[in-house]
C-alpha atoms as a PDB file:
ATOM      1  CA  MET A   1       0.000   0.000   0.000  1.00  0.00           C
ATOM      2  CA  GLU A   2       2.833   2.371   0.738  1.00  0.00           C
ATOM      3  CA  ILE A   3       4.228   1.579  -2.665  1.00  0.00           C
ATOM      4  CA  ALA A   4       0.970   2.622  -4.349  1.00  0.00           C
ATOM      5  CA  VAL A   5       0.899   5.911  -2.466  1.00  0.00           C
ATOM      6  CA  THR A   6       4.459   6.602  -3.455  1.00  0.00           C
ATOM      7  CA  ARG A   7       3.663   5.982  -7.109  1.00  0.00           C
ATOM      8  CA  ARG A   8       0.684   8.356  -7.019  1.00  0.00           C
ATOM      9  CA  LEU A   9       2.833  11.085  -5.493  1.00  0.00           C
ATOM     10  CA  ALA A  10       5.525  10.538  -8.101  1.00  0.00           C
ATOM     11  CA  CYS A  11       2.959  10.742 -10.906  1.00  0.00           C
ATOM     12  CA  ARG A  12       1.539  13.972  -9.537  1.00  0.00           C
ATOM     13  CA  ALA A  13       5.006  15.493  -9.225  1.00  0.00           C
ATOM     14  CA  ALA A  14       5.838  14.475 -12.774  1.00  0.00           C
ATOM     15  CA  ALA A  15       2.576  15.983 -14.047  1.00  0.00           C
ATOM     16  CA  ALA A  16       3.248  19.249 -12.224  1.00  0.00           C
ATOM     17  CA  LEU A  17       6.777  19.362 -13.583  1.00  0.00           C
ATOM     18  CA  SER A  18       5.510  18.721 -17.118  1.00  0.00           C
ATOM     19  CA  LEU A  19       2.933  21.502 -16.798  1.00  0.00           C
ATOM     20  CA  ALA A  20       5.519  23.975 -15.567  1.00  0.00           C
ATOM     21  CA  LEU A  21       7.875  23.042 -18.367  1.00  0.00           C
ATOM     22  CA  GLY A  22       5.109  23.460 -20.941  1.00  0.00           C
ATOM     23  CA  LEU A  23       4.185  26.884 -19.658  1.00  0.00           C
ATOM     24  CA  THR A  24       7.798  27.939 -19.721  1.00  0.00           C
ATOM     25  CA  LEU A  25       8.197  26.862 -23.322  1.00  0.00           C
ATOM     26  CA  ALA A  26       4.910  28.441 -24.434  1.00  0.00           C
ATOM     27  CA  GLN A  27       5.629  31.886 -22.954  1.00  0.00           C
ATOM     28  CA  PRO A  28       8.082  33.058 -25.781  1.00  0.00           C
ATOM     29  CA  ALA A  29       5.579  32.008 -28.432  1.00  0.00           C
ATOM     30  CA  LEU A  30       2.818  34.016 -26.768  1.00  0.00           C
ATOM     31  CA  SER A  31       4.990  37.111 -26.474  1.00  0.00           C
ATOM     32  CA  TRP A  32       6.013  36.861 -30.149  1.00  0.00           C
ATOM     33  CA  ALA A  33       2.342  36.541 -31.182  1.00  0.00           C
ATOM     34  CA  GLN A  34       1.413  39.586 -29.150  1.00  0.00           C
ATOM     35  CA  SER A  35       4.248  41.656 -30.692  1.00  0.00           C
ATOM     36  CA  ALA A  36       3.208  40.616 -34.209  1.00  0.00           C
ATOM     37  CA  ALA A  37      -0.414  41.495 -33.554  1.00  0.00           C
ATOM     38  CA  THR A  38       0.394  44.994 -32.267  1.00  0.00           C
ATOM     39  CA  PRO A  39       1.712  46.502 -35.625  1.00  0.00           C
ATOM     40  CA  ALA A  40      -1.194  44.965 -37.462  1.00  0.00           C
ATOM     41  CA  ALA A  41      -3.620  46.616 -35.083  1.00  0.00           C
ATOM     42  CA  ALA A  42      -1.765  49.923 -35.425  1.00  0.00           C
ATOM     43  CA  ALA A  43      -1.748  49.753 -39.234  1.00  0.00           C
ATOM     44  CA  ALA A  44      -5.429  48.930 -39.531  1.00  0.00           C
ATOM     45  CA  PRO A  45      -6.728  52.410 -38.493  1.00  0.00           C
ATOM     46  CA  ALA A  46      -4.297  54.078 -40.920  1.00  0.00           C
ATOM     47  CA  ASN A  47      -5.925  52.334 -43.840  1.00  0.00           C
ATOM     48  CA  VAL A  48      -9.433  53.003 -42.639  1.00  0.00           C
ATOM     49  CA  VAL A  49      -9.891  56.756 -42.514  1.00  0.00           C
ATOM     50  CA  PRO A  50     -13.237  58.092 -41.429  1.00  0.00           C
ATOM     51  CA  ALA A  51     -14.987  60.116 -44.056  1.00  0.00           C
ATOM     52  CA  THR A  52     -15.664  62.863 -41.590  1.00  0.00           C
ATOM     53  CA  ALA A  53     -11.945  63.487 -40.930  1.00  0.00           C
ATOM     54  CA  THR A  54     -11.069  64.302 -44.539  1.00  0.00           C
ATOM     55  CA  ALA A  55     -13.047  67.483 -44.676  1.00  0.00           C
ATOM     56  CA  PRO A  56     -11.387  69.171 -41.697  1.00  0.00           C
ATOM     57  CA  ALA A  57      -7.979  68.150 -43.007  1.00  0.00           C
ATOM     58  CA  THR A  58      -8.586  69.779 -46.353  1.00  0.00           C
ATOM     59  CA  ASN A  59      -9.999  72.850 -44.724  1.00  0.00           C
ATOM     60  CA  ALA A  60      -7.053  73.116 -42.372  1.00  0.00           C
ATOM     61  CA  ALA A  61      -4.478  73.036 -45.194  1.00  0.00           C
ATOM     62  CA  PRO A  62      -5.108  76.608 -46.434  1.00  0.00           C
ATOM     63  CA  ALA A  63      -4.999  77.832 -42.882  1.00  0.00           C
ATOM     64  CA  ALA A  64      -1.658  76.179 -42.380  1.00  0.00           C
ATOM     65  CA  THR A  65      -0.258  77.724 -45.550  1.00  0.00           C
ATOM     66  CA  ALA A  66      -1.687  81.118 -44.725  1.00  0.00           C
ATOM     67  CA  ALA A  67      -0.381  81.047 -41.188  1.00  0.00           C
ATOM     68  CA  PRO A  68       3.099  82.519 -42.002  1.00  0.00           C
ATOM     69  CA  ALA A  69       1.479  85.468 -43.716  1.00  0.00           C
ATOM     70  CA  THR A  70      -0.614  86.380 -40.674  1.00  0.00           C
ATOM     71  CA  THR A  71       1.926  85.621 -37.984  1.00  0.00           C
ATOM     72  CA  GLY A  72       5.212  87.407 -37.346  1.00  0.00           C
ATOM     73  CA  THR A  73       7.562  84.603 -38.350  1.00  0.00           C
ATOM     74  CA  THR A  74      10.712  85.625 -40.296  1.00  0.00           C
ATOM     75  CA  ASP A  75      11.729  84.003 -43.575  1.00  0.00           C
ATOM     76  CA  PRO A  76      15.477  83.804 -44.394  1.00  0.00           C
ATOM     77  CA  THR A  77      14.846  84.800 -47.993  1.00  0.00           C
ATOM     78  CA  ALA A  78      12.658  87.688 -46.866  1.00  0.00           C
ATOM     79  CA  ALA A  79      15.344  88.830 -44.434  1.00  0.00           C
ATOM     80  CA  ALA A  80      17.928  88.918 -47.227  1.00  0.00           C
ATOM     81  CA  THR A  81      15.698  91.040 -49.438  1.00  0.00           C
ATOM     82  CA  PRO A  82      16.829  94.448 -48.036  1.00  0.00           C
ATOM     83  CA  GLU A  83      20.456  93.441 -48.539  1.00  0.00           C
ATOM     84  CA  ALA A  84      19.797  92.355 -52.098  1.00  0.00           C
ATOM     85  CA  ALA A  85      17.993  95.624 -52.740  1.00  0.00           C
ATOM     86  CA  THR A  86      21.264  97.526 -52.246  1.00  0.00           C
ATOM     87  CA  VAL A  87      22.949  95.544 -55.033  1.00  0.00           C
ATOM     88  CA  PRO A  88      22.580  97.282 -58.425  1.00  0.00           C
ATOM     89  CA  ALA A  89      20.677  95.116 -60.829  1.00  0.00           C
ATOM     90  CA  ASP A  90      22.192  96.968 -63.795  1.00  0.00           C
ATOM     91  CA  LEU A  91      25.845  96.069 -64.390  1.00  0.00           C
ATOM     92  CA  SER A  92      26.400  98.452 -67.298  1.00  0.00           C
ATOM     93  CA  VAL A  93      29.407 100.763 -67.356  1.00  0.00           C
ATOM     94  CA  LYS A  94      27.316 103.790 -66.415  1.00  0.00           C
ATOM     95  CA  ALA A  95      25.741 101.988 -63.454  1.00  0.00           C
ATOM     96  CA  LEU A  96      29.102 100.679 -62.250  1.00  0.00           C
ATOM     97  CA  VAL A  97      30.603 104.169 -62.339  1.00  0.00           C
ATOM     98  CA  ARG A  98      27.584 105.603 -60.513  1.00  0.00           C
ATOM     99  CA  HIS A  99      27.734 103.021 -57.710  1.00  0.00           C
ATOM    100  CA  ALA A 100      31.545 102.952 -57.475  1.00  0.00           C
ATOM    101  CA  ASP A 101      33.554 104.003 -54.446  1.00  0.00           C
ATOM    102  CA  ARG A 102      34.980 107.535 -54.270  1.00  0.00           C
ATOM    103  CA  ILE A 103      38.521 106.312 -54.703  1.00  0.00           C
ATOM    104  CA  VAL A 104      37.540 104.231 -57.720  1.00  0.00           C
ATOM    105  CA  LYS A 105      35.673 107.211 -59.172  1.00  0.00           C
ATOM    106  CA  GLY A 106      38.784 109.352 -58.706  1.00  0.00           C
ATOM    107  CA  VAL A 107      40.903 106.748 -60.493  1.00  0.00           C
ATOM    108  CA  LEU A 108      38.424 106.557 -63.371  1.00  0.00           C
ATOM    109  CA  LEU A 109      38.331 110.363 -63.644  1.00  0.00           C
ATOM    110  CA  LEU A 110      42.125 110.563 -63.714  1.00  0.00           C
ATOM    111  CA  LEU A 111      42.331 107.926 -66.438  1.00  0.00           C
ATOM    112  CA  PHE A 112      39.597 109.688 -68.406  1.00  0.00           C
ATOM    113  CA  LEU A 113      41.570 112.954 -68.318  1.00  0.00           C
ATOM    114  CA  ALA A 114      44.710 111.094 -69.390  1.00  0.00           C
ATOM    115  CA  SER A 115      42.816 109.637 -72.328  1.00  0.00           C
ATOM    116  CA  ILE A 116      41.606 113.113 -73.333  1.00  0.00           C
ATOM    117  CA  VAL A 117      45.198 114.398 -73.224  1.00  0.00           C
ATOM    118  CA  THR A 118      46.308 111.481 -75.408  1.00  0.00           C
ATOM    119  CA  TRP A 119      43.773 112.129 -78.155  1.00  0.00           C
ATOM    120  CA  THR A 120      44.368 115.892 -77.968  1.00  0.00           C
ATOM    121  CA  MET A 121      48.085 115.279 -78.467  1.00  0.00           C
ATOM    122  CA  LEU A 122      47.290 113.048 -81.418  1.00  0.00           C
ATOM    123  CA  LEU A 123      45.427 115.867 -83.151  1.00  0.00           C
ATOM    124  CA  ALA A 124      47.643 118.812 -82.202  1.00  0.00           C
ATOM    125  CA  LYS A 125      51.084 117.212 -82.342  1.00  0.00           C
ATOM    126  CA  GLY A 126      50.162 115.030 -85.278  1.00  0.00           C
ATOM    127  CA  ILE A 127      49.295 118.059 -87.396  1.00  0.00           C
ATOM    128  CA  GLU A 128      52.475 119.846 -86.281  1.00  0.00           C
ATOM    129  CA  LEU A 129      54.704 116.875 -87.114  1.00  0.00           C
ATOM    130  CA  TRP A 130      53.001 116.322 -90.458  1.00  0.00           C
ATOM    131  CA  GLN A 131      53.545 119.952 -91.433  1.00  0.00           C
ATOM    132  CA  ALA A 132      57.165 119.883 -90.215  1.00  0.00           C
ATOM    133  CA  CYS A 133      58.041 116.719 -92.156  1.00  0.00           C
ATOM    134  CA  ARG A 134      56.325 118.075 -95.229  1.00  0.00           C
ATOM    135  CA  GLY A 135      58.252 121.362 -94.910  1.00  0.00           C
ATOM    136  CA  VAL A 136      61.579 119.537 -94.587  1.00  0.00           C
ATOM    137  CA  GLY A 137      60.834 117.493 -97.698  1.00  0.00           C
ATOM    138  CA  ARG A 138      59.985 120.620 -99.661  1.00  0.00           C
ATOM    139  CA  GLY A 139      63.082 122.357 -98.260  1.00  0.00           C
ATOM    140  CA  LEU A 140      65.270 119.501 -99.511  1.00  0.00           C
ATOM    141  CA  ARG A 141      63.931 119.944-103.028  1.00  0.00           C
ATOM    142  CA  LEU A 142      64.417 123.713-102.945  1.00  0.00           C
ATOM    143  CA  ALA A 143      67.905 123.428-101.426  1.00  0.00           C
ATOM    144  CA  GLU A 144      68.986 120.954-104.100  1.00  0.00           C
ATOM    145  CA  SER A 145      67.864 123.381-106.780  1.00  0.00           C
ATOM    146  CA  ASP A 146      69.586 126.250-104.889  1.00  0.00           C
ATOM    147  CA  ALA A 147      66.426 128.337-104.831  1.00  0.00           C
ATOM    148  CA  PRO A 148      66.996 131.967-103.843  1.00  0.00           C
ATOM    149  CA  ASP A 149      65.947 133.325-100.477  1.00  0.00           C
ATOM    150  CA  GLY A 150      63.160 135.340-102.043  1.00  0.00           C
ATOM    151  CA  THR A 151      61.282 132.206-103.104  1.00  0.00           C
ATOM    152  CA  ALA A 152      57.643 132.320-102.048  1.00  0.00           C
ATOM    153  CA  ASP A 153      56.595 130.051 -99.179  1.00  0.00           C
ATOM    154  CA  LEU A 154      60.121 129.019 -98.284  1.00  0.00           C
ATOM    155  CA  PRO A 155      60.043 126.290 -95.598  1.00  0.00           C
ATOM    156  CA  ARG A 156      60.842 127.453 -92.083  1.00  0.00           C
ATOM    157  CA  ALA A 157      63.780 125.076 -91.564  1.00  0.00           C
ATOM    158  CA  LEU A 158      65.484 126.115 -94.791  1.00  0.00           C
ATOM    159  CA  ARG A 159      64.842 129.772 -94.058  1.00  0.00           C
ATOM    160  CA  LEU A 160      66.368 129.495 -90.577  1.00  0.00           C
ATOM    161  CA  MET A 161      69.424 127.649 -91.894  1.00  0.00           C
ATOM    162  CA  ARG A 162      70.101 130.212 -94.593  1.00  0.00           C
ATOM    163  CA  HIS A 163      69.663 132.990 -92.060  1.00  0.00           C
ATOM    164  CA  ALA A 164      72.202 131.282 -89.767  1.00  0.00           C
ATOM    165  CA  VAL A 165      74.639 130.922 -92.678  1.00  0.00           C
ATOM    166  CA  SER A 166      74.282 134.592 -93.592  1.00  0.00           C
ATOM    167  CA  ALA A 167      74.838 135.671 -89.992  1.00  0.00           C
ATOM    168  CA  GLU A 168      77.938 133.504 -89.649  1.00  0.00           C
ATOM    169  CA  LEU A 169      79.399 134.708 -92.949  1.00  0.00           C
ATOM    170  CA  ALA A 170      78.864 138.297 -91.881  1.00  0.00           C
ATOM    171  CA  ALA A 171      80.559 137.616 -88.550  1.00  0.00           C
ATOM    172  CA  SER A 172      83.450 135.696 -90.176  1.00  0.00           C
ATOM    173  CA  GLU A 173      84.207 138.230 -92.889  1.00  0.00           C
ATOM    174  CA  GLY A 174      87.927 138.517 -93.497  1.00  0.00           C
ATOM    175  CA  THR A 175      88.786 135.227 -91.765  1.00  0.00           C
ATOM    176  CA  ALA A 176      90.139 131.987 -93.198  1.00  0.00           C
ATOM    177  CA  VAL A 177      87.757 129.924 -95.305  1.00  0.00           C
ATOM    178  CA  GLU A 178      88.446 126.644 -93.463  1.00  0.00           C
ATOM    179  CA  GLY A 179      87.646 128.183 -90.099  1.00  0.00           C
ATOM    180  CA  THR A 180      84.468 129.669 -91.529  1.00  0.00           C
ATOM    181  CA  LYS A 181      83.335 126.252 -92.766  1.00  0.00           C
ATOM    182  CA  GLU A 182      83.861 124.700 -89.344  1.00  0.00           C
ATOM    183  CA  ARG A 183      81.901 127.461 -87.647  1.00  0.00           C
ATOM    184  CA  LEU A 184      79.110 127.111 -90.193  1.00  0.00           C
ATOM    185  CA  ASP A 185      78.931 123.371 -89.587  1.00  0.00           C
ATOM    186  CA  SER A 186      78.777 123.873 -85.811  1.00  0.00           C
ATOM    187  CA  ARG A 187      76.094 126.535 -86.119  1.00  0.00           C
ATOM    188  CA  LEU A 188      73.940 124.395 -88.409  1.00  0.00           C
ATOM    189  CA  ARG A 189      74.231 121.395 -86.068  1.00  0.00           C
ATOM    190  CA  ARG A 190      73.071 123.465 -83.124  1.00  0.00           C
ATOM    191  CA  LEU A 191      70.161 124.747 -85.169  1.00  0.00           C
ATOM    192  CA  GLU A 192      69.180 121.190 -86.106  1.00  0.00           C
ATOM    193  CA  MET A 193      69.223 120.124 -82.471  1.00  0.00           C
ATOM    194  CA  ARG A 194      67.110 123.112 -81.446  1.00  0.00           C
ATOM    195  CA  LEU A 195      64.519 122.415 -84.134  1.00  0.00           C
ATOM    196  CA  ALA A 196      64.419 118.712 -83.210  1.00  0.00           C
ATOM    197  CA  ARG A 197      63.895 119.513 -79.512  1.00  0.00           C
ATOM    198  CA  HIS A 198      61.122 121.919 -80.411  1.00  0.00           C
ATOM    199  CA  ILE A 199      59.261 119.405 -82.551  1.00  0.00           C
ATOM    200  CA  GLN A 200      59.728 116.667 -79.922  1.00  0.00           C
ATOM    201  CA  ARG A 201      58.298 118.792 -77.127  1.00  0.00           C
ATOM    202  CA  GLY A 202      55.186 117.284 -75.540  1.00  0.00           C
ATOM    203  CA  THR A 203      55.670 113.706 -76.684  1.00  0.00           C
ATOM    204  CA  GLY A 204      57.060 112.757 -73.274  1.00  0.00           C
ATOM    205  CA  ILE A 205      53.551 113.167 -71.840  1.00  0.00           C
ATOM    206  CA  LEU A 206      52.401 110.270 -74.002  1.00  0.00           C
ATOM    207  CA  ALA A 207      55.238 108.103 -72.716  1.00  0.00           C
ATOM    208  CA  THR A 208      54.305 108.963 -69.129  1.00  0.00           C
ATOM    209  CA  ILE A 209      50.624 108.164 -69.695  1.00  0.00           C
ATOM    210  CA  GLY A 210      51.482 104.885 -71.369  1.00  0.00           C
ATOM    211  CA  ALA A 211      53.762 103.843 -68.512  1.00  0.00           C
ATOM    212  CA  VAL A 212      51.699 105.008 -65.520  1.00  0.00           C
ATOM    213  CA  SER A 213      48.074 104.389 -66.570  1.00  0.00           C
ATOM    214  CA  PRO A 214      48.151 100.572 -66.124  1.00  0.00           C
ATOM    215  CA  PHE A 215      49.441 100.972 -62.572  1.00  0.00           C
ATOM    216  CA  VAL A 216      46.789 103.582 -61.774  1.00  0.00           C
ATOM    217  CA  GLY A 217      44.157 101.164 -63.066  1.00  0.00           C
ATOM    218  CA  LEU A 218      45.720  98.396 -60.980  1.00  0.00           C
ATOM    219  CA  PHE A 219      45.405 100.581 -57.892  1.00  0.00           C
ATOM    220  CA  GLY A 220      41.700 101.021 -58.621  1.00  0.00           C
ATOM    221  CA  THR A 221      41.380  97.266 -59.078  1.00  0.00           C
ATOM    222  CA  VAL A 222      42.995  96.508 -55.722  1.00  0.00           C
ATOM    223  CA  TRP A 223      40.808  99.075 -54.000  1.00  0.00           C
ATOM    224  CA  GLY A 224      37.648  97.660 -55.581  1.00  0.00           C
ATOM    225  CA  ILE A 225      38.514  94.117 -54.539  1.00  0.00           C
ATOM    226  CA  MET A 226      39.146  95.326 -50.984  1.00  0.00           C
ATOM    227  CA  ASN A 227      35.684  96.902 -50.958  1.00  0.00           C
ATOM    228  CA  SER A 228      34.212  93.619 -52.186  1.00  0.00           C
ATOM    229  CA  PHE A 229      35.824  91.733 -49.308  1.00  0.00           C
ATOM    230  CA  VAL A 230      34.554  94.328 -46.830  1.00  0.00           C
ATOM    231  CA  GLY A 231      31.041  93.920 -48.240  1.00  0.00           C
ATOM    232  CA  ILE A 232      31.270  90.155 -47.879  1.00  0.00           C
ATOM    233  CA  ALA A 233      32.332  90.541 -44.245  1.00  0.00           C
ATOM    234  CA  LYS A 234      29.476  92.960 -43.471  1.00  0.00           C
ATOM    235  CA  LEU A 235      26.721  90.953 -45.155  1.00  0.00           C
ATOM    236  CA  HIS A 236      28.056  87.574 -43.970  1.00  0.00           C
ATOM    237  CA  THR A 237      27.385  86.063 -47.367  1.00  0.00           C
ATOM    238  CA  THR A 238      29.347  84.974 -50.407  1.00  0.00           C
ATOM    239  CA  ASN A 239      26.418  85.288 -52.774  1.00  0.00           C
ATOM    240  CA  LEU A 240      27.556  86.176 -56.282  1.00  0.00           C
ATOM    241  CA  ALA A 241      24.923  88.908 -56.516  1.00  0.00           C
ATOM    242  CA  VAL A 242      26.636  90.681 -53.617  1.00  0.00           C
ATOM    243  CA  VAL A 243      30.233  90.119 -54.720  1.00  0.00           C
ATOM    244  CA  ALA A 244      29.837  90.693 -58.469  1.00  0.00           C
ATOM    245  CA  PRO A 245      29.328  94.520 -58.461  1.00  0.00           C
ATOM    246  CA  GLY A 246      32.517  95.186 -56.487  1.00  0.00           C
ATOM    247  CA  ILE A 247      34.551  92.873 -58.688  1.00  0.00           C
ATOM    248  CA  ALA A 248      33.043  94.495 -61.776  1.00  0.00           C
ATOM    249  CA  GLU A 249      34.085  97.940 -60.479  1.00  0.00           C
ATOM    250  CA  ALA A 250      37.608  96.651 -59.921  1.00  0.00           C
ATOM    251  CA  LEU A 251      37.825  95.211 -63.420  1.00  0.00           C
ATOM    252  CA  LEU A 252      36.405  98.448 -64.831  1.00  0.00           C
ATOM    253  CA  ALA A 253      39.358 100.351 -63.333  1.00  0.00           C
ATOM    254  CA  THR A 254      41.774  97.914 -64.981  1.00  0.00           C
ATOM    255  CA  ALA A 255      40.008  98.281 -68.318  1.00  0.00           C
ATOM    256  CA  ALA A 256      40.124 102.078 -68.034  1.00  0.00           C
ATOM    257  CA  GLY A 257      43.863 101.953 -67.364  1.00  0.00           C
ATOM    258  CA  LEU A 258      44.441  99.831 -70.463  1.00  0.00           C
ATOM    259  CA  VAL A 259      42.191 102.076 -72.575  1.00  0.00           C
ATOM    260  CA  ALA A 260      44.271 105.077 -71.525  1.00  0.00           C
ATOM    261  CA  ALA A 261      47.672 103.372 -71.851  1.00  0.00           C
ATOM    262  CA  ILE A 262      47.449 101.433 -75.127  1.00  0.00           C
ATOM    263  CA  PRO A 263      46.605 104.400 -77.419  1.00  0.00           C
ATOM    264  CA  ALA A 264      49.228 106.539 -75.663  1.00  0.00           C
ATOM    265  CA  VAL A 265      51.970 103.973 -76.332  1.00  0.00           C
ATOM    266  CA  VAL A 266      50.923 103.480 -79.956  1.00  0.00           C
ATOM    267  CA  ILE A 267      50.729 107.232 -80.637  1.00  0.00           C
ATOM    268  CA  TYR A 268      54.082 107.813 -78.921  1.00  0.00           C
ATOM    269  CA  ASN A 269      55.760 105.226 -81.147  1.00  0.00           C
ATOM    270  CA  ILE A 270      54.247 106.829 -84.257  1.00  0.00           C
ATOM    271  CA  PHE A 271      55.439 110.266 -83.156  1.00  0.00           C
ATOM    272  CA  ALA A 272      58.901 108.879 -82.378  1.00  0.00           C
ATOM    273  CA  ARG A 273      59.201 107.608 -85.955  1.00  0.00           C
ATOM    274  CA  TRP A 274      58.043 110.949 -87.327  1.00  0.00           C
ATOM    275  CA  VAL A 275      60.507 112.849 -85.132  1.00  0.00           C
ATOM    276  CA  GLY A 276      63.309 110.548 -86.287  1.00  0.00           C
ATOM    277  CA  ALA A 277      62.400 111.155 -89.921  1.00  0.00           C
ATOM    278  CA  TYR A 278      62.269 114.902 -89.268  1.00  0.00           C
ATOM    279  CA  ARG A 279      65.716 114.905 -87.657  1.00  0.00           C
ATOM    280  CA  HIS A 280      67.182 112.946 -90.568  1.00  0.00           C
ATOM    281  CA  GLY A 281      65.596 115.442 -92.942  1.00  0.00           C
ATOM    282  CA  LEU A 282      67.105 118.324 -91.003  1.00  0.00           C
ATOM    283  CA  GLY A 283      70.523 116.674 -91.157  1.00  0.00           C
ATOM    284  CA  ASP A 284      70.263 116.229 -94.920  1.00  0.00           C
ATOM    285  CA  LEU A 285      69.044 119.801 -95.329  1.00  0.00           C
ATOM    286  CA  GLY A 286      71.945 121.137 -93.274  1.00  0.00           C
ATOM    287  CA  GLU A 287      74.419 119.130 -95.357  1.00  0.00           C
ATOM    288  CA  ILE A 288      72.981 120.548 -98.580  1.00  0.00           C
ATOM    289  CA  VAL A 289      73.075 124.133 -97.283  1.00  0.00           C
ATOM    290  CA  LEU A 290      76.616 123.669 -96.003  1.00  0.00           C
ATOM    291  CA  ARG A 291      77.711 122.145 -99.297  1.00  0.00           C
ATOM    292  CA  HIS A 292      76.336 125.053-101.330  1.00  0.00           C
ATOM    293  CA  THR A 293      77.879 127.568 -98.932  1.00  0.00           C
ATOM    294  CA  SER A 294      81.248 125.792 -99.023  1.00  0.00           C
ATOM    295  CA  ARG A 295      81.159 125.808-102.809  1.00  0.00           C
ATOM    296  CA  THR A 296      80.439 129.532-102.801  1.00  0.00           C
ATOM    297  CA  LEU A 297      83.281 130.174-100.374  1.00  0.00           C
ATOM    298  CA  ASP A 298      85.699 128.109-102.470  1.00  0.00           C
ATOM    299  CA  ARG A 299      84.726 130.014-105.594  1.00  0.00           C
ATOM    300  CA  GLY A 300      85.259 133.296-103.796  1.00  0.00           C
ATOM    301  CA  SER A 301      88.659 132.213-102.536  1.00  0.00           C
ATOM    302  CA  ALA A 302      89.591 131.031-106.038  1.00  0.00           C
ATOM    303  CA  VAL A 303      88.622 134.390-107.510  1.00  0.00           C
ATOM    304  CA  VAL A 304      90.642 136.159-104.847  1.00  0.00           C
ATOM    305  CA  GLY A 305      93.587 133.863-105.575  1.00  0.00           C
ATOM    306  CA  ARG A 306      93.456 134.727-109.289  1.00  0.00           C
ATOM    307  CA  THR A 307      93.162 138.452-108.716  1.00  0.00           C
ATOM    308  CA  ARG A 308      96.197 138.650-106.450  1.00  0.00           C
ATOM    309  CA  PRO A 309      98.763 137.686-109.122  1.00  0.00           C
ATOM    310  CA  MET A 310      97.158 140.155-111.511  1.00  0.00           C
ATOM    311  CA  ALA A 311      97.448 142.880-108.904  1.00  0.00           C
ATOM    312  CA  ALA A 312     101.084 141.967-108.348  1.00  0.00           C
ATOM    313  CA  GLU A 313     101.823 142.360-112.046  1.00  0.00           C
END
């Protein structure tokens, strides 16, 4: 009988142990099922939308879009509008000059005056050099033909040389012929140098403008770029619409310097060639006048040499 009781107790203990083990093993499955059912329950209301909720949502959308207009919220683009308003929309040359800095305006004015001087020199000095070269050419033809001093419209260079020869002959009367020739040659050379310096006067301004104008324009460029950097620092932006006007002003100063310098250099080189041709013409004219005067002096000395033996007889 004790054995039967012991068996019943062992069977009950085994049943209890089996039940506990089954519950332990079934608990993870139940938790997994609950977790899988929760998203499904949450997704089901999203698919089923009540018809009454759609109307308020559509009515609330315009209110939401209109809310920034009625409230005092700030928009970054709207805040940048006053800054953008100060930037000139027109980037033409006239607008750039009007909105330029005072220093840049002064540089542009200086270069503009230099350009006016250049073109004025082209007209005034060009006409003077053309007339001088033409007069020397005509004087060479008249000197070769030994035209008299009373010839109408005698060129100025030839007239001055003949006047210098006459003055030297009058001062050297009664002196040796060889010494007179040397003094005539020296006097004519000095006259040529004086005429060449006179015709060359003023061309140095063109050389100065051609050499200095690019550096003046470069100064305006550096100043304009500095202003651009200052504007970037003040506005705290690197937007091209803010930076472009200052850079354009700087490049305008460089362009103005080149516009003033390039014509000045070209015109100076043209004038230098004309002055060189004029000086060569003066040298040839002086040689012709000296040759004719030397021939006259030799003839006079020959006549004097022939008359002396006759007087001795």
